[in-house]
Amino acid sequence: MKTTQLLAVAAATSLAVAQTCNVLSYTFPAPVMASGYRSQLVATGLGTPRAIVFDTAGYLLVARRGTGIVRFQVGSCGTLQNQQTIISDSTLNHGLTISADGRTVFASSSTTAFSWSYDPATGATSNKKTLVTGMSNGPSGHTTRTLYASLRNPDLLLVSWGSDGNLDWSASNINSGRSQIRGFSISQTSNSPIAFNSGGTIFGWGLRNSVGIGEDLGGGIWSVENSADNIVRNGQDVHNENPAEELNYHGLATDSTNRGNYGYPECLTAWQMSGITTGVQFSNGSSSVTDAQCAQRQAPRISFNSHTAPLDVKFDPQGNAWVSFHGSWNRSPPDGYRVSMIPFSGNQPIAASNSMAAAVNIMTNPNNGACPGQCFRPVGLAFDRNGRLFVSSDSTGEIYMIEKIGGTTLTTTTTTTSRTTTTSSRTTTTTSRTTTTTFRTTTTTSRTTTPSTTASRTTTAGPAQPTWAQCGGIGWTGSTSCVGGTSCRVLNPYYSQCIPG
């Protein structure tokens, strides 16, 4: 009888909460969603939001170009609330990432990568440090310096420096540093800043402008490449359908070996070109490098439609890659302006490298003809603990949420139930937390060959770890116990932390 009464109270509370959910109305035409997905507008009025990332406390951090870094609490309906400025700096323009332990925030200007100590409980930042310098371009060069802090290798900060113009011939010189992704030791650069082109591990060069960087469930590093404009081949204008944008693989985060040349500026990738297979590199005709030589450069794993401008790549709990396509300015009809998913298996794309249908469009604009002025233009991507994908749109100053309807990703109904059970009883609240943990454990299992996150940690006796200290993760050999008032929570497969509550 008590159980029946409790369920009845929960159901009534759930209905009441659902009825009072304050969901924002779309300012622009509502996105068109693939079957099985829904979108929701969760924030507006953000100016120019770019990169986004979740911290270990569940707050969403947003890089606002020309303003700094803000963070939001995610409300029960998914709407972002309680905006808090954590870094005020008008030079910051795009790059944003957070360390594996959640205690350091990294952001970038057009020339420099910085770090701040960060308290996820309060949002307080302090102890600003300069890490990587010397990444200036001319007035026609790319200005974003994408950052990504690895989960598999917690001391690795990846930095991308794009080209100084459409065809930047200085990028042919590996020592220039331009059109490269390099990995730097966080601990070393925190003690002594380093110029980009004088150190670090080269994760790839010949990359015109790899704005998006992500890490798959096995610790492999991927990037998405924005290729060249206005290409002419053998006297013929081929720019409308060429070159292809790219999804490139850079090996494991733990591999300190310098990577190879991905082609640019001498070589570009075919999308739809007579006599050349999609995904194969060709000579742009502006140098002495031949098609045969270009075929020996590091080819992309997957190619995308020309000029669609992929700006981020992140991986869902099932291991699939998601890419934001900011949209074209240099083709007719306009293309891009969407969020797509590339199915993966075994940490590699399922599609062949010559596929023209590797990307499954999930969120699109109803009319690309209205773009770029009257549509969303996706930039940054970030998955929350429930597997929901948050997407920034810099053209509209908005953030959207993409949610799968059904399956393991929490739906609106499940979210409501979670809120309801919190109201109903503490016992049921614990059940809700267990469900969330189970979801995260599933994520961990897919990232490693171990049967569970717990199994991947070595339980070691020893003094209890203090608040916010590491207490587990793959390869961890220290104590797995925490001081009173905290518990050891899995943040990712490679890092567990003593967190209050």
Foldseek 3Di string as FASTA:
>chain_A
DVVVVLVVLLVVLLVVVVVPDDFDDDPFPAWDFDPQKDKGFADFDQAFWFAWEAALVGWIWTQRAQFGIWIFHQDLQRHTDDIDGADGDRQFGHAWEAFLLRQKIWTDGQFWIKIWGADPVVSHTHDIDTQEGGQDADPQWDRDWYWYQFNVDRQKIKTARAARHQAHVVLVDLLVLHQWIFIDGNVVSRVPHYYNSPDGATLEGQAHGFQAWEAFLQQWIKTKGAHGAQFDDPNHGPRQFDDWIAIATRGHPPDRHHDFYAAPPQKTAHGDDPPDFGQQIAGSPPDPDGSVNSNPGRTGQATETHQQQWRYWYAFLLGKIKTQRQWHDHHPPIDHQFIWIFDDDPNGGPDGRRDHPRTHTGIHHPDSNCPDQRGFGWHYWYATLLRWIWTAGRNRRTIMIMFGNDDSRDDSSNSSSQVSLVVSDPVVVVVNVVSSQVSQQSSNVSSDVDNTLVRQWDADDDDADEASDWQTAHPDDDHNHHDPQWHFADSHRGTTTTHGD
